[in-house]
């Protein structure tokens, strides 16, 4: 977990949010969308539950400054997931 600093300025808050976003996306990309659950059954990666809230906050901060590029991360994650799924199905 990366603790967020108090909102002193929009740019520092957006940088902190981007760092958390990047860490979560990297974790999901590395481990996969489905991970083994406590009973050994595949479950959705726990980080996925946080992405919508962080994405919403990033859009608020980045859209104001004209840098709304969060969709690129999501698209890259989906592409990586599809490639991994194709590899598992082969």
C-alpha atoms as a PDB file:
ATOM      1  CA  UNK A   1       0.000   0.000   0.000  1.00  0.00           C
ATOM      2  CA  UNK A   2       1.187   3.489  -0.837  1.00  0.00           C
ATOM      3  CA  UNK A   3      -0.340   6.042   1.545  1.00  0.00           C
ATOM      4  CA  UNK A   4      -1.665   9.134  -0.181  1.00  0.00           C
ATOM      5  CA  UNK A   5      -0.453  12.527   0.979  1.00  0.00           C
ATOM      6  CA  UNK A   6      -2.972  15.180   2.012  1.00  0.00           C
ATOM      7  CA  UNK A   7      -4.303  17.125  -0.963  1.00  0.00           C
ATOM      8  CA  UNK A   8      -1.951  20.119  -0.936  1.00  0.00           C
ATOM      9  CA  UNK A   9      -2.032  20.648  -4.684  1.00  0.00           C
ATOM     10  CA  UNK A  10      -3.807  18.878  -7.479  1.00  0.00           C
ATOM     11  CA  UNK A  11      -0.572  17.842  -9.197  1.00  0.00           C
ATOM     12  CA  UNK A  12       0.883  16.039  -6.151  1.00  0.00           C
ATOM     13  CA  UNK A  13      -2.422  14.271  -5.493  1.00  0.00           C
ATOM     14  CA  UNK A  14      -2.688  13.223  -9.136  1.00  0.00           C
ATOM     15  CA  UNK A  15       0.896  11.936  -9.044  1.00  0.00           C
ATOM     16  CA  UNK A  16       0.112   9.863  -5.941  1.00  0.00           C
ATOM     17  CA  UNK A  17      -3.052   8.478  -7.547  1.00  0.00           C
ATOM     18  CA  UNK A  18      -1.133   7.667 -10.736  1.00  0.00           C
ATOM     19  CA  UNK A  19       1.511   5.806  -8.680  1.00  0.00           C
ATOM     20  CA  UNK A  20      -1.162   3.699  -6.954  1.00  0.00           C
ATOM     21  CA  UNK A  21      -2.906   3.094 -10.309  1.00  0.00           C
ATOM     22  CA  UNK A  22       0.346   2.030 -11.972  1.00  0.00           C
ATOM     23  CA  UNK A  23       1.185  -0.338  -9.102  1.00  0.00           C
ATOM     24  CA  UNK A  24      -2.254  -1.990  -9.192  1.00  0.00           C
ATOM     25  CA  UNK A  25      -2.255  -2.347 -12.981  1.00  0.00           C
ATOM     26  CA  UNK A  26       1.269  -3.820 -12.888  1.00  0.00           C
ATOM     27  CA  UNK A  27       0.190  -6.303 -10.220  1.00  0.00           C
ATOM     28  CA  UNK A  28      -2.857  -7.434 -12.205  1.00  0.00           C
ATOM     29  CA  UNK A  29      -0.821  -7.605 -15.400  1.00  0.00           C
ATOM     30  CA  UNK A  30       1.881  -9.727 -13.715  1.00  0.00           C
ATOM     31  CA  UNK A  31      -0.433 -12.050 -11.777  1.00  0.00           C
ATOM     32  CA  UNK A  32      -3.400 -12.187 -14.156  1.00  0.00           C
ATOM     33  CA  UNK A  33      -7.024 -11.163 -13.832  1.00  0.00           C
ATOM     34  CA  UNK A  34      -7.821 -14.471 -12.160  1.00  0.00           C
ATOM     35  CA  UNK A  35      -5.724 -15.611  -9.193  1.00  0.00           C
ATOM     36  CA  UNK A  36      -6.058 -18.640  -6.912  1.00  0.00           C
ATOM     37  CA  UNK A  37      -8.492 -17.972  -4.086  1.00  0.00           C
ATOM     38  CA  UNK A  38      -8.251 -19.304  -0.537  1.00  0.00           C
ATOM     39  CA  UNK A  39      -9.970 -22.544  -1.576  1.00  0.00           C
ATOM     40  CA  UNK A  40      -7.751 -22.875  -4.644  1.00  0.00           C
ATOM     41  CA  UNK A  41     -10.561 -21.823  -6.983  1.00  0.00           C
ATOM     42  CA  UNK A  42      -9.735 -18.946  -9.386  1.00  0.00           C
ATOM     43  CA  UNK A  43     -11.148 -15.602  -8.277  1.00  0.00           C
ATOM     44  CA  UNK A  44     -10.862 -12.057  -9.616  1.00  0.00           C
ATOM     45  CA  UNK A  45      -7.615 -10.349  -8.662  1.00  0.00           C
ATOM     46  CA  UNK A  46      -8.231  -8.373  -5.431  1.00  0.00           C
ATOM     47  CA  UNK A  47      -6.735  -5.191  -6.941  1.00  0.00           C
ATOM     48  CA  UNK A  48      -9.539  -5.052  -9.518  1.00  0.00           C
ATOM     49  CA  UNK A  49     -11.990  -3.809  -6.896  1.00  0.00           C
ATOM     50  CA  UNK A  50      -9.951  -0.620  -6.404  1.00  0.00           C
ATOM     51  CA  UNK A  51      -9.381   0.330 -10.050  1.00  0.00           C
ATOM     52  CA  UNK A  52     -12.801   1.946 -10.720  1.00  0.00           C
ATOM     53  CA  UNK A  53     -12.521   4.292  -7.719  1.00  0.00           C
ATOM     54  CA  UNK A  54      -8.942   5.273  -8.527  1.00  0.00           C
ATOM     55  CA  UNK A  55      -9.830   5.719 -12.196  1.00  0.00           C
ATOM     56  CA  UNK A  56     -12.685   8.069 -11.260  1.00  0.00           C
ATOM     57  CA  UNK A  57     -10.369  10.156  -9.070  1.00  0.00           C
ATOM     58  CA  UNK A  58      -7.660  10.218 -11.743  1.00  0.00           C
ATOM     59  CA  UNK A  59     -10.150  11.428 -14.325  1.00  0.00           C
ATOM     60  CA  UNK A  60     -11.137  14.289 -12.019  1.00  0.00           C
ATOM     61  CA  UNK A  61      -7.515  15.348 -11.567  1.00  0.00           C
ATOM     62  CA  UNK A  62      -6.135  14.589 -15.023  1.00  0.00           C
ATOM     63  CA  UNK A  63      -9.063  15.841 -17.057  1.00  0.00           C
ATOM     64  CA  UNK A  64      -8.744  19.248 -15.443  1.00  0.00           C
ATOM     65  CA  UNK A  65      -5.077  19.406 -16.414  1.00  0.00           C
ATOM     66  CA  UNK A  66      -5.735  17.871 -19.838  1.00  0.00           C
ATOM     67  CA  UNK A  67      -3.919  14.565 -19.272  1.00  0.00           C
ATOM     68  CA  UNK A  68      -6.746  11.985 -19.243  1.00  0.00           C
ATOM     69  CA  UNK A  69      -4.778   8.938 -20.366  1.00  0.00           C
ATOM     70  CA  UNK A  70      -6.122   6.253 -17.997  1.00  0.00           C
ATOM     71  CA  UNK A  71      -7.889   4.462 -20.857  1.00  0.00           C
ATOM     72  CA  UNK A  72      -4.526   3.470 -22.329  1.00  0.00           C
ATOM     73  CA  UNK A  73      -3.726   1.503 -19.158  1.00  0.00           C
ATOM     74  CA  UNK A  74      -7.071  -0.281 -19.197  1.00  0.00           C
ATOM     75  CA  UNK A  75      -6.775  -1.154 -22.883  1.00  0.00           C
ATOM     76  CA  UNK A  76      -3.240  -2.489 -22.342  1.00  0.00           C
ATOM     77  CA  UNK A  77      -4.481  -4.579 -19.422  1.00  0.00           C
ATOM     78  CA  UNK A  78      -7.313  -6.020 -21.525  1.00  0.00           C
ATOM     79  CA  UNK A  79      -4.915  -6.838 -24.371  1.00  0.00           C
ATOM     80  CA  UNK A  80      -2.536  -8.588 -21.971  1.00  0.00           C
ATOM     81  CA  UNK A  81      -5.438 -10.526 -20.454  1.00  0.00           C
ATOM     82  CA  UNK A  82      -6.698 -11.661 -23.869  1.00  0.00           C
ATOM     83  CA  UNK A  83      -3.215 -12.785 -24.899  1.00  0.00           C
ATOM     84  CA  UNK A  84      -2.816 -14.712 -21.647  1.00  0.00           C
ATOM     85  CA  UNK A  85      -6.257 -16.330 -22.090  1.00  0.00           C
ATOM     86  CA  UNK A  86      -5.362 -17.381 -25.649  1.00  0.00           C
ATOM     87  CA  UNK A  87      -2.156 -18.960 -24.326  1.00  0.00           C
ATOM     88  CA  UNK A  88      -4.065 -20.897 -21.657  1.00  0.00           C
ATOM     89  CA  UNK A  89      -6.628 -22.129 -24.181  1.00  0.00           C
ATOM     90  CA  UNK A  90      -4.002 -23.459 -26.598  1.00  0.00           C
END
